[in-house]
Amino acid sequence: MKGTEHFKVVIKNYLDKRAKEDPMFTVTYANPLKNIDDCITYILNTVRSTGKNGFTDDEVYSMAVHYYDEDDIKVGKAINCNVVVNHSVDRLKQDKNETKQSKVQMFQDTRKMENQRRKNKKEKNNNQQLNLFDLL
């Protein structure tokens, strides 16, 4: 699936979920004069007008909701471009969990090594202690 098609699916899924959860939005989302293709065109034109290259999920979702909320919104002309959908948020959570697990493992390994070092040192000290009775 192309990035732009995936972007459309992500936006549509968000809007569908929002319509299920928000009865007031359900009414505006059901407007027969509105469609997902024009919504995407509106978002792309809005993004282009800002001159920025990156937006948070919430910023993009609010543009989509705004498109459906306004009756007399200017969509703009279609833009031929590719949209990159960033999935790093989900990956970031997974990376944090993996990093946390690896840090815990490193801590446990360090503790084991430290305990082993102490044990070896103690044994070495015990072996080096002279027993006066052995000298007789």
Protein backbone atom coordinates (compact mmCIF):
# COMPACT_ATOMS: atom_id res chain seq x y z
CA MET A 1 0.00 0.00 0.00
CA LYS A 2 1.37 3.41 -0.95
CA GLY A 3 2.07 5.90 1.80
CA THR A 4 -0.72 8.23 0.70
CA GLU A 5 -3.25 5.40 0.58
CA HIS A 6 -2.13 4.29 4.01
CA PHE A 7 -2.51 7.88 5.22
CA LYS A 8 -6.09 7.89 3.92
CA VAL A 9 -6.84 4.63 5.76
CA VAL A 10 -5.35 5.97 9.01
CA ILE A 11 -7.42 9.17 8.81
CA LYS A 12 -10.59 7.25 7.92
CA ASN A 13 -10.08 4.83 10.82
CA TYR A 14 -9.66 7.75 13.19
CA LEU A 15 -12.79 9.47 11.90
CA ASP A 16 -14.82 6.24 12.07
CA LYS A 17 -13.73 5.70 15.67
CA ARG A 18 -14.48 9.29 16.59
CA ALA A 19 -17.94 9.03 15.01
CA LYS A 20 -18.67 5.95 17.14
CA GLU A 21 -17.60 7.73 20.32
CA ASP A 22 -19.01 11.23 19.67
CA PRO A 23 -22.71 11.43 18.71
CA MET A 24 -22.40 15.09 17.68
CA PHE A 25 -19.56 14.29 15.31
CA THR A 26 -21.53 11.34 13.92
CA VAL A 27 -24.04 13.79 12.43
CA THR A 28 -21.43 15.97 10.73
CA TYR A 29 -19.43 12.94 9.60
CA ALA A 30 -22.51 11.55 7.84
CA ASN A 31 -22.82 14.66 5.63
CA PRO A 32 -23.31 13.34 2.06
CA LEU A 33 -21.50 16.37 0.63
CA LYS A 34 -18.27 15.39 2.41
CA ASN A 35 -15.93 12.51 1.55
CA ILE A 36 -12.57 11.15 2.60
CA ASP A 37 -10.81 12.11 -0.65
CA ASP A 38 -11.73 15.78 -0.23
CA CYS A 39 -10.77 15.53 3.44
CA ILE A 40 -7.29 14.31 2.47
CA THR A 41 -7.01 17.06 -0.15
CA TYR A 42 -7.99 19.64 2.47
CA ILE A 43 -5.38 18.30 4.91
CA LEU A 44 -2.64 18.31 2.25
CA ASN A 45 -3.46 21.89 1.19
CA THR A 46 -3.54 23.01 4.82
CA VAL A 47 -0.18 21.36 5.47
CA ARG A 48 1.29 22.93 2.34
CA SER A 49 0.10 26.40 3.37
CA THR A 50 1.99 26.17 6.68
CA GLY A 51 5.34 25.39 5.08
CA LYS A 52 6.10 22.80 7.76
CA ASN A 53 7.09 19.22 6.97
CA GLY A 54 6.01 17.39 10.09
CA PHE A 55 2.88 17.36 12.21
CA THR A 56 1.69 15.47 15.25
CA ASP A 57 -1.12 12.97 14.91
CA ASP A 58 -3.43 15.27 16.85
CA GLU A 59 -2.74 18.18 14.50
CA VAL A 60 -3.58 16.12 11.44
CA TYR A 61 -6.66 14.57 13.05
CA SER A 62 -7.92 18.00 14.05
CA MET A 63 -7.61 19.12 10.41
CA ALA A 64 -9.72 16.13 9.35
CA VAL A 65 -12.37 16.87 11.98
CA HIS A 66 -12.35 20.54 10.99
CA TYR A 67 -13.04 19.57 7.37
CA TYR A 68 -16.16 17.69 8.42
CA ASP A 69 -17.29 20.32 10.95
CA GLU A 70 -17.31 23.25 8.50
CA ASP A 71 -19.97 23.41 5.81
CA ASP A 72 -18.37 26.06 3.62
CA ILE A 73 -14.74 24.95 3.76
CA LYS A 74 -12.46 25.40 0.75
CA VAL A 75 -10.82 22.08 -0.02
CA GLY A 76 -8.38 23.38 -2.61
CA LYS A 77 -7.08 21.60 -5.65
CA ALA A 78 -5.72 18.08 -5.57
CA ILE A 79 -2.04 17.76 -4.77
CA ASN A 80 0.10 15.04 -6.28
CA CYS A 81 2.40 13.97 -3.47
CA ASN A 82 3.41 11.11 -1.23
CA VAL A 83 2.55 11.13 2.43
CA VAL A 84 4.72 9.33 4.94
CA VAL A 85 2.83 7.90 7.89
CA ASN A 86 5.12 7.78 10.88
CA HIS A 87 4.69 4.70 13.01
CA SER A 88 7.54 5.58 15.33
CA VAL A 89 5.15 6.22 18.23
CA ASP A 90 4.25 2.53 18.46
CA ARG A 91 7.82 1.52 17.76
CA LEU A 92 9.04 4.00 20.33
CA LYS A 93 6.93 2.33 23.04
CA GLN A 94 8.27 -1.06 22.03
CA ASP A 95 11.84 0.29 21.95
CA LYS A 96 11.36 1.80 25.43
CA ASN A 97 10.15 -1.54 26.76
CA GLU A 98 13.06 -3.37 25.15
CA THR A 99 15.51 -0.76 26.44
CA LYS A 100 14.05 -1.00 29.92
CA GLN A 101 14.31 -4.80 29.83
CA SER A 102 17.90 -4.64 28.59
CA LYS A 103 18.79 -2.14 31.33
CA VAL A 104 17.23 -4.39 33.95
CA GLN A 105 19.17 -7.34 32.52
CA MET A 106 22.40 -5.33 32.53
CA PHE A 107 21.76 -4.28 36.14
CA GLN A 108 21.12 -7.88 37.16
CA ASP A 109 24.24 -9.06 35.35
CA THR A 110 26.28 -6.31 36.99
CA ARG A 111 24.89 -7.30 40.39
CA LYS A 112 25.81 -10.95 39.79
CA MET A 113 29.31 -9.97 38.70
CA GLU A 114 29.73 -7.70 41.72
CA ASN A 115 28.49 -10.42 44.07
CA GLN A 116 30.82 -12.93 42.44
CA ARG A 117 33.73 -10.48 42.74
CA ARG A 118 32.97 -9.95 46.43
CA LYS A 119 32.70 -13.69 46.99
CA ASN A 120 36.03 -14.29 45.22
CA LYS A 121 37.67 -11.50 47.21
CA LYS A 122 36.30 -12.92 50.45
CA GLU A 123 37.54 -16.40 49.55
CA LYS A 124 40.91 -14.99 48.60
CA ASN A 125 41.11 -13.12 51.91
CA ASN A 126 40.09 -16.27 53.76
CA ASN A 127 42.78 -18.26 51.97
CA GLN A 128 45.43 -15.65 52.71
CA GLN A 129 44.70 -15.49 56.42
CA LEU A 130 47.27 -17.27 58.44
CA ASN A 131 46.22 -19.69 61.04
CA LEU A 132 48.52 -19.63 64.04
CA PHE A 133 47.86 -23.28 64.72
CA ASP A 134 49.09 -24.21 61.26
CA LEU A 135 52.47 -22.71 62.12
CA LEU A 136 53.09 -25.02 65.08
